[in-house]
PDB file of all heavy atoms in Angstrom:
ATOM      1  N   ASP A   1     186.952 171.839  95.037  1.00  0.00           N
ATOM      2  CA  ASP A   1     187.489 172.861  94.111  1.00  0.00           C
ATOM      3  C   ASP A   1     188.493 173.688  94.943  1.00  0.00           C
ATOM      4  O   ASP A   1     188.234 174.845  95.273  1.00  0.00           O
ATOM      5  CB  ASP A   1     186.365 173.736  93.595  1.00  0.00           C
ATOM      6  CG  ASP A   1     186.805 174.688  92.490  1.00  0.00           C
ATOM      7  OD1 ASP A   1     187.987 174.593  92.058  1.00  0.00           O
ATOM      8  OD2 ASP A   1     185.985 175.554  92.107  1.00  0.00           O
ATOM      9  N   PRO A   2     189.633 173.088  95.307  1.00  0.00           N
ATOM     10  CA  PRO A   2     190.503 173.661  96.318  1.00  0.00           C
ATOM     11  C   PRO A   2     191.225 174.962  95.954  1.00  0.00           C
ATOM     12  O   PRO A   2     191.750 175.640  96.819  1.00  0.00           O
ATOM     13  CB  PRO A   2     191.496 172.563  96.609  1.00  0.00           C
ATOM     14  CG  PRO A   2     191.522 171.750  95.357  1.00  0.00           C
ATOM     15  CD  PRO A   2     190.149 171.822  94.794  1.00  0.00           C
ATOM     16  N   LEU A   3     191.277 175.298  94.680  1.00  0.00           N
ATOM     17  CA  LEU A   3     191.966 176.535  94.293  1.00  0.00           C
ATOM     18  C   LEU A   3     191.053 177.777  94.413  1.00  0.00           C
ATOM     19  O   LEU A   3     191.543 178.895  94.391  1.00  0.00           O
ATOM     20  CB  LEU A   3     192.498 176.415  92.868  1.00  0.00           C
ATOM     21  CG  LEU A   3     193.606 175.400  92.679  1.00  0.00           C
ATOM     22  CD1 LEU A   3     193.917 175.203  91.207  1.00  0.00           C
ATOM     23  CD2 LEU A   3     194.863 175.824  93.436  1.00  0.00           C
ATOM     24  N   ALA A   4     189.762 177.542  94.480  1.00  0.00           N
ATOM     25  CA  ALA A   4     188.804 178.657  94.422  1.00  0.00           C
ATOM     26  C   ALA A   4     188.036 178.848  95.718  1.00  0.00           C
ATOM     27  O   ALA A   4     187.916 177.929  96.532  1.00  0.00           O
ATOM     28  CB  ALA A   4     187.795 178.386  93.289  1.00  0.00           C
ATOM     29  N   MET A   5     187.566 180.063  95.890  1.00  0.00           N
ATOM     30  CA  MET A   5     186.613 180.376  96.934  1.00  0.00           C
ATOM     31  C   MET A   5     185.449 181.085  96.268  1.00  0.00           C
ATOM     32  O   MET A   5     185.549 181.487  95.129  1.00  0.00           O
ATOM     33  CB  MET A   5     187.243 181.263  98.022  1.00  0.00           C
ATOM     34  CG  MET A   5     187.684 182.608  97.524  1.00  0.00           C
ATOM     35  SD  MET A   5     187.659 183.893  98.781  1.00  0.00           S
ATOM     36  CE  MET A   5     185.939 184.008  99.196  1.00  0.00           C
ATOM     37  N   ARG A   6     184.354 181.166  96.977  1.00  0.00           N
ATOM     38  CA  ARG A   6     183.157 181.815  96.410  1.00  0.00           C
ATOM     39  C   ARG A   6     182.567 182.782  97.398  1.00  0.00           C
ATOM     40  O   ARG A   6     182.626 182.592  98.616  1.00  0.00           O
ATOM     41  CB  ARG A   6     182.126 180.748  96.061  1.00  0.00           C
ATOM     42  CG  ARG A   6     182.559 179.951  94.854  1.00  0.00           C
ATOM     43  CD  ARG A   6     181.709 178.693  94.647  1.00  0.00           C
ATOM     44  NE  ARG A   6     182.072 178.052  93.395  1.00  0.00           N
ATOM     45  CZ  ARG A   6     183.218 177.417  93.154  1.00  0.00           C
ATOM     46  NH1 ARG A   6     184.126 177.304  94.082  1.00  0.00           N
ATOM     47  NH2 ARG A   6     183.476 176.855  91.984  1.00  0.00           N
ATOM     48  N   ILE A   7     181.972 183.836  96.847  1.00  0.00           N
ATOM     49  CA  ILE A   7     181.143 184.745  97.640  1.00  0.00           C
ATOM     50  C   ILE A   7     179.755 184.691  97.039  1.00  0.00           C
ATOM     51  O   ILE A   7     179.585 184.905  95.828  1.00  0.00           O
ATOM     52  CB  ILE A   7     181.696 186.191  97.622  1.00  0.00           C
ATOM     53  CG1 ILE A   7     183.089 186.251  98.197  1.00  0.00           C
ATOM     54  CG2 ILE A   7     180.742 187.114  98.392  1.00  0.00           C
ATOM     55  CD1 ILE A   7     183.729 187.627  98.219  1.00  0.00           C
ATOM     56  N   VAL A   8     178.794 184.378  97.864  1.00  0.00           N
ATOM     57  CA  VAL A   8     177.396 184.253  97.437  1.00  0.00           C
ATOM     58  C   VAL A   8     176.639 185.503  97.892  1.00  0.00           C
ATOM     59  O   VAL A   8     176.522 185.747  99.098  1.00  0.00           O
ATOM     60  CB  VAL A   8     176.755 182.978  98.011  1.00  0.00           C
ATOM     61  CG1 VAL A   8     175.320 182.840  97.506  1.00  0.00           C
ATOM     62  CG2 VAL A   8     177.579 181.727  97.698  1.00  0.00           C
ATOM     63  N   PHE A   9     176.151 186.247  96.916  1.00  0.00           N
ATOM     64  CA  PHE A   9     175.366 187.439  97.178  1.00  0.00           C
ATOM     65  C   PHE A   9     173.886 187.094  97.059  1.00  0.00           C
ATOM     66  O   PHE A   9     173.496 186.341  96.186  1.00  0.00           O
ATOM     67  CB  PHE A   9     175.692 188.545  96.171  1.00  0.00           C
ATOM     68  CG  PHE A   9     177.095 189.128  96.350  1.00  0.00           C
ATOM     69  CD1 PHE A   9     178.200 188.566  95.708  1.00  0.00           C
ATOM     70  CD2 PHE A   9     177.282 190.226  97.167  1.00  0.00           C
ATOM     71  CE1 PHE A   9     179.448 189.103  95.885  1.00  0.00           C
ATOM     72  CE2 PHE A   9     178.555 190.758  97.325  1.00  0.00           C
ATOM     73  CZ  PHE A   9     179.636 190.200  96.699  1.00  0.00           C
ATOM     74  N   PRO A  10     173.058 187.672  97.912  1.00  0.00           N
ATOM     75  CA  PRO A  10     171.622 187.366  97.886  1.00  0.00           C
ATOM     76  C   PRO A  10     170.936 187.939  96.669  1.00  0.00           C
ATOM     77  O   PRO A  10     171.401 188.912  96.065  1.00  0.00           O
ATOM     78  CB  PRO A  10     171.097 188.017  99.160  1.00  0.00           C
ATOM     79  CG  PRO A  10     172.041 189.131  99.440  1.00  0.00           C
ATOM     80  CD  PRO A  10     173.380 188.651  98.948  1.00  0.00           C
ATOM     81  N   ALA A  11     169.818 187.352  96.297  1.00  0.00           N
ATOM     82  CA  ALA A  11     169.037 187.763  95.139  1.00  0.00           C
ATOM     83  C   ALA A  11     168.619 189.228  95.229  1.00  0.00           C
ATOM     84  O   ALA A  11     168.515 189.920  94.224  1.00  0.00           O
ATOM     85  CB  ALA A  11     167.805 186.874  94.988  1.00  0.00           C
ATOM     86  N   ALA A  12     168.440 189.718  96.438  1.00  0.00           N
ATOM     87  CA  ALA A  12     167.956 191.103  96.635  1.00  0.00           C
ATOM     88  C   ALA A  12     168.879 192.168  96.044  1.00  0.00           C
ATOM     89  O   ALA A  12     168.443 193.265  95.781  1.00  0.00           O
ATOM     90  CB  ALA A  12     167.742 191.373  98.132  1.00  0.00           C
ATOM     91  N   VAL A  13     170.158 191.824  95.864  1.00  0.00           N
ATOM     92  CA  VAL A  13     171.099 192.834  95.367  1.00  0.00           C
ATOM     93  C   VAL A  13     171.502 192.594  93.895  1.00  0.00           C
ATOM     94  O   VAL A  13     172.345 193.275  93.357  1.00  0.00           O
ATOM     95  CB  VAL A  13     172.378 192.960  96.230  1.00  0.00           C
ATOM     96  CG1 VAL A  13     172.001 193.400  97.629  1.00  0.00           C
ATOM     97  CG2 VAL A  13     173.150 191.661  96.228  1.00  0.00           C
ATOM     98  N   SER A  14     170.902 191.606  93.254  1.00  0.00           N
ATOM     99  CA  SER A  14     171.269 191.301  91.844  1.00  0.00           C
ATOM    100  C   SER A  14     170.362 192.056  90.890  1.00  0.00           C
ATOM    101  O   SER A  14     169.270 192.490  91.250  1.00  0.00           O
ATOM    102  CB  SER A  14     171.211 189.819  91.591  1.00  0.00           C
ATOM    103  OG  SER A  14     169.864 189.376  91.477  1.00  0.00           O
ATOM    104  N   LEU A  15     170.831 192.167  89.663  1.00  0.00           N
ATOM    105  CA  LEU A  15     170.050 192.837  88.632  1.00  0.00           C
ATOM    106  C   LEU A  15     168.871 192.006  88.158  1.00  0.00           C
ATOM    107  O   LEU A  15     167.862 192.552  87.723  1.00  0.00           O
ATOM    108  CB  LEU A  15     170.943 193.188  87.435  1.00  0.00           C
ATOM    109  CG  LEU A  15     172.065 194.198  87.743  1.00  0.00           C
ATOM    110  CD1 LEU A  15     172.967 194.354  86.498  1.00  0.00           C
ATOM    111  CD2 LEU A  15     171.507 195.548  88.138  1.00  0.00           C
ATOM    112  N   ASP A  16     168.991 190.689  88.226  1.00  0.00           N
ATOM    113  CA  ASP A  16     167.926 189.833  87.717  1.00  0.00           C
ATOM    114  C   ASP A  16     167.125 189.101  88.803  1.00  0.00           C
ATOM    115  O   ASP A  16     166.329 188.211  88.521  1.00  0.00           O
ATOM    116  CB  ASP A  16     168.498 188.808  86.714  1.00  0.00           C
ATOM    117  CG  ASP A  16     169.487 187.872  87.355  1.00  0.00           C
ATOM    118  OD1 ASP A  16     169.698 187.929  88.572  1.00  0.00           O
ATOM    119  OD2 ASP A  16     170.078 187.061  86.602  1.00  0.00           O
ATOM    120  N   GLY A  17     167.326 189.461  90.060  1.00  0.00           N
ATOM    121  CA  GLY A  17     166.570 188.861  91.146  1.00  0.00           C
ATOM    122  C   GLY A  17     166.981 187.453  91.534  1.00  0.00           C
ATOM    123  O   GLY A  17     166.242 186.734  92.180  1.00  0.00           O
ATOM    124  N   ARG A  18     168.175 187.052  91.092  1.00  0.00           N
ATOM    125  CA  ARG A  18     168.676 185.706  91.438  1.00  0.00           C
ATOM    126  C   ARG A  18     169.974 185.856  92.242  1.00  0.00           C
ATOM    127  O   ARG A  18     170.709 186.820  92.102  1.00  0.00           O
ATOM    128  CB  ARG A  18     168.972 184.889  90.173  1.00  0.00           C
ATOM    129  CG  ARG A  18     167.693 184.510  89.438  1.00  0.00           C
ATOM    130  CD  ARG A  18     167.983 183.526  88.350  1.00  0.00           C
ATOM    131  NE  ARG A  18     168.601 184.247  87.241  1.00  0.00           N
ATOM    132  CZ  ARG A  18     168.865 183.742  86.054  1.00  0.00           C
ATOM    133  NH1 ARG A  18     168.574 182.476  85.813  1.00  0.00           N
ATOM    134  NH2 ARG A  18     169.409 184.455  85.120  1.00  0.00           N
ATOM    135  N   GLU A  19     170.236 184.836  93.062  1.00  0.00           N
ATOM    136  CA  GLU A  19     171.488 184.784  93.808  1.00  0.00           C
ATOM    137  C   GLU A  19     172.651 184.902  92.855  1.00  0.00           C
ATOM    138  O   GLU A  19     172.659 184.361  91.767  1.00  0.00           O
ATOM    139  CB  GLU A  19     171.507 183.451  94.563  1.00  0.00           C
ATOM    140  CG  GLU A  19     172.688 183.225  95.428  1.00  0.00           C
ATOM    141  CD  GLU A  19     172.576 181.895  96.143  1.00  0.00           C
ATOM    142  OE1 GLU A  19     173.019 180.877  95.519  1.00  0.00           O
ATOM    143  OE2 GLU A  19     172.062 181.858  97.254  1.00  0.00           O
ATOM    144  N   VAL A  20     173.685 185.611  93.269  1.00  0.00           N
ATOM    145  CA  VAL A  20     174.891 185.801  92.450  1.00  0.00           C
ATOM    146  C   VAL A  20     176.078 185.167  93.191  1.00  0.00           C
ATOM    147  O   VAL A  20     176.288 185.437  94.377  1.00  0.00           O
ATOM    148  CB  VAL A  20     175.184 187.298  92.214  1.00  0.00           C
ATOM    149  CG1 VAL A  20     176.480 187.459  91.460  1.00  0.00           C
ATOM    150  CG2 VAL A  20     174.031 187.942  91.447  1.00  0.00           C
ATOM    151  N   VAL A  21     176.826 184.326  92.475  1.00  0.00           N
ATOM    152  CA  VAL A  21     178.008 183.664  93.058  1.00  0.00           C
ATOM    153  C   VAL A  21     179.232 184.075  92.248  1.00  0.00           C
ATOM    154  O   VAL A  21     179.288 183.910  91.047  1.00  0.00           O
ATOM    155  CB  VAL A  21     177.853 182.130  93.034  1.00  0.00           C
ATOM    156  CG1 VAL A  21     179.077 181.499  93.619  1.00  0.00           C
ATOM    157  CG2 VAL A  21     176.577 181.705  93.747  1.00  0.00           C
ATOM    158  N   TRP A  22     180.196 184.648  92.931  1.00  0.00           N
ATOM    159  CA  TRP A  22     181.483 185.000  92.331  1.00  0.00           C
ATOM    160  C   TRP A  22     182.510 184.011  92.839  1.00  0.00           C
ATOM    161  O   TRP A  22     182.679 183.827  94.034  1.00  0.00           O
ATOM    162  CB  TRP A  22     181.904 186.418  92.705  1.00  0.00           C
ATOM    163  CG  TRP A  22     181.283 187.467  91.841  1.00  0.00           C
ATOM    164  CD1 TRP A  22     180.100 188.096  92.064  1.00  0.00           C
ATOM    165  CD2 TRP A  22     181.808 187.973  90.645  1.00  0.00           C
ATOM    166  NE1 TRP A  22     179.852 188.980  91.023  1.00  0.00           N
ATOM    167  CE2 TRP A  22     180.907 188.917  90.151  1.00  0.00           C
ATOM    168  CE3 TRP A  22     182.980 187.723  89.902  1.00  0.00           C
ATOM    169  CZ2 TRP A  22     181.111 189.628  88.966  1.00  0.00           C
ATOM    170  CZ3 TRP A  22     183.194 188.425  88.733  1.00  0.00           C
ATOM    171  CH2 TRP A  22     182.271 189.342  88.266  1.00  0.00           C
ATOM    172  N   ALA A  23     183.186 183.368  91.917  1.00  0.00           N
ATOM    173  CA  ALA A  23     184.273 182.418  92.251  1.00  0.00           C
ATOM    174  C   ALA A  23     185.597 183.021  91.780  1.00  0.00           C
ATOM    175  O   ALA A  23     185.651 183.597  90.679  1.00  0.00           O
ATOM    176  CB  ALA A  23     184.026 181.073  91.582  1.00  0.00           C
ATOM    177  N   PHE A  24     186.600 182.912  92.625  1.00  0.00           N
ATOM    178  CA  PHE A  24     187.903 183.388  92.266  1.00  0.00           C
ATOM    179  C   PHE A  24     188.956 182.695  93.107  1.00  0.00           C
ATOM    180  O   PHE A  24     188.635 181.972  94.069  1.00  0.00           O
ATOM    181  CB  PHE A  24     187.993 184.931  92.387  1.00  0.00           C
ATOM    182  CG  PHE A  24     187.624 185.464  93.725  1.00  0.00           C
ATOM    183  CD1 PHE A  24     188.595 185.751  94.662  1.00  0.00           C
ATOM    184  CD2 PHE A  24     186.299 185.736  94.034  1.00  0.00           C
ATOM    185  CE1 PHE A  24     188.244 186.267  95.913  1.00  0.00           C
ATOM    186  CE2 PHE A  24     185.949 186.264  95.251  1.00  0.00           C
ATOM    187  CZ  PHE A  24     186.921 186.512  96.199  1.00  0.00           C
ATOM    188  N   ALA A  25     190.201 182.885  92.766  1.00  0.00           N
ATOM    189  CA  ALA A  25     191.297 182.164  93.440  1.00  0.00           C
ATOM    190  C   ALA A  25     191.391 182.541  94.897  1.00  0.00           C
ATOM    191  O   ALA A  25     191.349 183.707  95.270  1.00  0.00           O
ATOM    192  CB  ALA A  25     192.618 182.476  92.747  1.00  0.00           C
TER     193      ALA A  25
END
């Protein structure tokens, strides 16, 4: 997926207790 990068946030900082992944250009 060469146009995008991701930042993976740990479950401890999410509202629902799951890992959060933000993808953007």
